[in-house]
Amino acid sequence: MVFTAYVLGVSKIGKEREVLEKCLKIKGVVEGTVVFGEYDVIVKIQTDDVKELSRKVEEIRRIEELLRSVTLISSQ
């Protein structure tokens, strides 16, 4: 089973690209983009282990320039 998480994040003002770059360096993050609106960054994580997925989400949440996030998890 493949688990996919979409992490929607709000960054400090002007730090959107820095947050995205840090996210994209995390193994398991397969894509990401800067967006406009309520959220500043969206990244997609994929793994076959739900515990590993949780660790990746926690790693993203520890990014200093990230103020808050919402995580959406799906399974296929």
N, C-alpha and C. Protein backbone atom coordinates (compact mmCIF):
# COMPACT_ATOMS: atom_id res chain seq x y z
N MET A 1 0.84 -1.17 0.00
CA MET A 1 0.00 0.00 0.00
C MET A 1 0.89 1.24 0.00
N VAL A 2 0.53 2.21 -0.78
CA VAL A 2 1.27 3.48 -0.84
C VAL A 2 0.49 4.53 -0.07
N PHE A 3 1.17 5.20 0.83
CA PHE A 3 0.57 6.30 1.58
C PHE A 3 1.07 7.61 1.00
N THR A 4 0.15 8.53 0.81
CA THR A 4 0.49 9.85 0.27
C THR A 4 -0.02 10.90 1.25
N ALA A 5 0.82 11.88 1.51
CA ALA A 5 0.41 13.01 2.35
C ALA A 5 0.66 14.29 1.59
N TYR A 6 -0.27 15.19 1.71
CA TYR A 6 -0.12 16.54 1.18
C TYR A 6 -0.01 17.46 2.38
N VAL A 7 1.10 18.18 2.46
CA VAL A 7 1.30 19.10 3.57
C VAL A 7 1.12 20.52 3.03
N LEU A 8 0.14 21.22 3.59
CA LEU A 8 -0.13 22.60 3.22
C LEU A 8 0.45 23.47 4.32
N GLY A 9 1.32 24.40 3.95
CA GLY A 9 2.02 25.16 4.98
C GLY A 9 1.91 26.66 4.82
N VAL A 10 1.97 27.33 5.95
CA VAL A 10 2.03 28.79 6.01
C VAL A 10 3.42 29.14 6.52
N SER A 11 4.13 29.95 5.74
CA SER A 11 5.50 30.31 6.11
C SER A 11 5.56 31.73 6.64
N LYS A 12 6.73 32.05 7.20
CA LYS A 12 6.99 33.44 7.55
C LYS A 12 7.00 34.25 6.25
N ILE A 13 6.65 35.52 6.33
CA ILE A 13 6.58 36.37 5.14
C ILE A 13 7.93 36.38 4.43
N GLY A 14 7.88 36.11 3.13
CA GLY A 14 9.07 36.12 2.30
C GLY A 14 9.92 34.87 2.38
N LYS A 15 9.49 33.86 3.12
CA LYS A 15 10.28 32.65 3.31
C LYS A 15 9.68 31.44 2.59
N GLU A 16 8.73 31.67 1.70
CA GLU A 16 8.03 30.58 1.02
C GLU A 16 8.99 29.68 0.25
N ARG A 17 9.85 30.26 -0.55
CA ARG A 17 10.78 29.48 -1.37
C ARG A 17 11.80 28.73 -0.51
N GLU A 18 12.23 29.36 0.57
CA GLU A 18 13.16 28.71 1.48
C GLU A 18 12.52 27.47 2.13
N VAL A 19 11.27 27.60 2.55
CA VAL A 19 10.55 26.46 3.12
C VAL A 19 10.42 25.35 2.07
N LEU A 20 10.04 25.73 0.86
CA LEU A 20 9.89 24.73 -0.20
C LEU A 20 11.21 24.02 -0.47
N GLU A 21 12.30 24.75 -0.57
CA GLU A 21 13.61 24.14 -0.83
C GLU A 21 13.98 23.15 0.26
N LYS A 22 13.72 23.50 1.52
CA LYS A 22 14.02 22.59 2.63
C LYS A 22 13.15 21.35 2.56
N CYS A 23 11.89 21.52 2.21
CA CYS A 23 10.98 20.37 2.08
C CYS A 23 11.44 19.42 0.98
N LEU A 24 11.84 19.98 -0.15
CA LEU A 24 12.22 19.16 -1.30
C LEU A 24 13.51 18.36 -1.05
N LYS A 25 14.28 18.73 -0.05
CA LYS A 25 15.50 17.99 0.30
C LYS A 25 15.20 16.76 1.16
N ILE A 26 13.99 16.66 1.66
CA ILE A 26 13.60 15.55 2.53
C ILE A 26 13.26 14.34 1.66
N LYS A 27 13.91 13.21 1.95
CA LYS A 27 13.64 11.99 1.20
C LYS A 27 12.17 11.60 1.36
N GLY A 28 11.53 11.30 0.25
CA GLY A 28 10.12 10.94 0.27
C GLY A 28 9.22 12.07 -0.21
N VAL A 29 9.74 13.30 -0.18
CA VAL A 29 8.97 14.42 -0.74
C VAL A 29 9.16 14.34 -2.25
N VAL A 30 8.07 14.09 -2.97
CA VAL A 30 8.17 13.85 -4.40
C VAL A 30 7.87 15.08 -5.26
N GLU A 31 7.18 16.04 -4.69
CA GLU A 31 6.95 17.28 -5.41
C GLU A 31 6.45 18.36 -4.46
N GLY A 32 6.52 19.59 -4.91
CA GLY A 32 6.06 20.70 -4.09
C GLY A 32 6.01 21.97 -4.92
N THR A 33 5.29 22.94 -4.40
CA THR A 33 5.16 24.21 -5.11
C THR A 33 4.79 25.32 -4.13
N VAL A 34 5.12 26.53 -4.51
CA VAL A 34 4.66 27.71 -3.78
C VAL A 34 3.31 28.08 -4.37
N VAL A 35 2.36 28.40 -3.51
CA VAL A 35 1.01 28.76 -3.95
C VAL A 35 0.60 30.08 -3.30
N PHE A 36 -0.46 30.64 -3.80
CA PHE A 36 -1.01 31.88 -3.25
C PHE A 36 -2.36 31.59 -2.64
N GLY A 37 -2.68 32.32 -1.60
CA GLY A 37 -3.96 32.12 -0.92
C GLY A 37 -3.72 31.89 0.56
N GLU A 38 -4.55 31.05 1.16
CA GLU A 38 -4.45 30.79 2.59
C GLU A 38 -3.14 30.10 2.95
N TYR A 39 -2.63 29.27 2.04
CA TYR A 39 -1.38 28.56 2.28
C TYR A 39 -0.31 29.09 1.34
N ASP A 40 0.95 28.90 1.72
CA ASP A 40 2.08 29.39 0.92
C ASP A 40 2.79 28.28 0.17
N VAL A 41 2.76 27.07 0.72
CA VAL A 41 3.51 25.95 0.16
C VAL A 41 2.66 24.69 0.25
N ILE A 42 2.74 23.87 -0.80
CA ILE A 42 2.13 22.54 -0.76
C ILE A 42 3.19 21.55 -1.19
N VAL A 43 3.38 20.47 -0.40
CA VAL A 43 4.31 19.42 -0.78
C VAL A 43 3.62 18.07 -0.70
N LYS A 44 4.09 17.16 -1.52
CA LYS A 44 3.54 15.80 -1.58
C LYS A 44 4.60 14.82 -1.12
N ILE A 45 4.23 13.96 -0.18
CA ILE A 45 5.12 12.93 0.34
C ILE A 45 4.51 11.57 -0.02
N GLN A 46 5.36 10.63 -0.43
CA GLN A 46 4.88 9.27 -0.69
C GLN A 46 5.82 8.27 -0.04
N THR A 47 5.23 7.26 0.59
CA THR A 47 5.99 6.18 1.20
C THR A 47 5.07 4.97 1.36
N ASP A 48 5.68 3.82 1.56
CA ASP A 48 4.87 2.62 1.77
C ASP A 48 4.76 2.26 3.25
N ASP A 49 5.27 3.12 4.12
CA ASP A 49 5.26 2.88 5.56
C ASP A 49 4.63 4.09 6.26
N VAL A 50 3.53 3.89 6.92
CA VAL A 50 2.81 4.99 7.55
C VAL A 50 3.63 5.64 8.67
N LYS A 51 4.46 4.86 9.36
CA LYS A 51 5.31 5.45 10.41
C LYS A 51 6.38 6.36 9.79
N GLU A 52 6.92 5.94 8.66
CA GLU A 52 7.90 6.77 7.95
C GLU A 52 7.22 8.05 7.45
N LEU A 53 6.01 7.93 7.00
CA LEU A 53 5.25 9.10 6.56
C LEU A 53 5.10 10.10 7.71
N SER A 54 4.78 9.59 8.88
CA SER A 54 4.65 10.43 10.06
C SER A 54 5.96 11.14 10.38
N ARG A 55 7.08 10.42 10.28
CA ARG A 55 8.38 11.03 10.55
C ARG A 55 8.69 12.15 9.55
N LYS A 56 8.34 11.96 8.30
CA LYS A 56 8.58 12.99 7.27
C LYS A 56 7.74 14.23 7.54
N VAL A 57 6.49 14.02 7.92
CA VAL A 57 5.62 15.15 8.25
C VAL A 57 6.19 15.92 9.44
N GLU A 58 6.64 15.20 10.45
CA GLU A 58 7.25 15.85 11.62
C GLU A 58 8.50 16.63 11.23
N GLU A 59 9.29 16.09 10.32
CA GLU A 59 10.49 16.78 9.87
C GLU A 59 10.13 18.10 9.18
N ILE A 60 9.10 18.07 8.38
CA ILE A 60 8.64 19.30 7.72
C ILE A 60 8.14 20.29 8.75
N ARG A 61 7.38 19.81 9.72
CA ARG A 61 6.82 20.71 10.73
C ARG A 61 7.87 21.38 11.60
N ARG A 62 9.08 20.81 11.64
CA ARG A 62 10.17 21.39 12.41
C ARG A 62 10.93 22.49 11.65
N ILE A 63 10.59 22.72 10.40
CA ILE A 63 11.27 23.77 9.65
C ILE A 63 10.96 25.11 10.31
N GLU A 64 12.00 25.83 10.69
CA GLU A 64 11.86 27.04 11.49
C GLU A 64 10.99 28.11 10.82
N GLU A 65 11.10 28.24 9.52
CA GLU A 65 10.36 29.29 8.79
C GLU A 65 8.90 28.93 8.54
N LEU A 66 8.50 27.73 8.90
CA LEU A 66 7.12 27.27 8.73
C LEU A 66 6.33 27.60 9.99
N LEU A 67 5.30 28.40 9.86
CA LEU A 67 4.52 28.84 11.01
C LEU A 67 3.46 27.82 11.42
N ARG A 68 2.78 27.24 10.43
CA ARG A 68 1.76 26.23 10.72
C ARG A 68 1.53 25.39 9.49
N SER A 69 0.92 24.23 9.69
CA SER A 69 0.66 23.34 8.56
C SER A 69 -0.60 22.51 8.80
N VAL A 70 -1.10 21.99 7.70
CA VAL A 70 -2.23 21.06 7.70
C VAL A 70 -1.77 19.88 6.86
N THR A 71 -2.02 18.67 7.34
CA THR A 71 -1.61 17.48 6.61
C THR A 71 -2.83 16.67 6.21
N LEU A 72 -2.89 16.31 4.94
CA LEU A 72 -3.96 15.47 4.40
C LEU A 72 -3.33 14.15 3.98
N ILE A 73 -3.82 13.03 4.49
CA ILE A 73 -3.23 11.72 4.19
C ILE A 73 -4.24 10.88 3.41
N SER A 74 -3.73 10.22 2.36
CA SER A 74 -4.58 9.30 1.60
C SER A 74 -3.84 7.98 1.45
N SER A 75 -4.57 6.92 1.18
CA SER A 75 -3.97 5.61 0.91
C SER A 75 -4.54 5.11 -0.40
N GLN A 76 -3.71 4.40 -1.14
CA GLN A 76 -4.15 3.90 -2.45
C GLN A 76 -4.03 2.40 -2.51
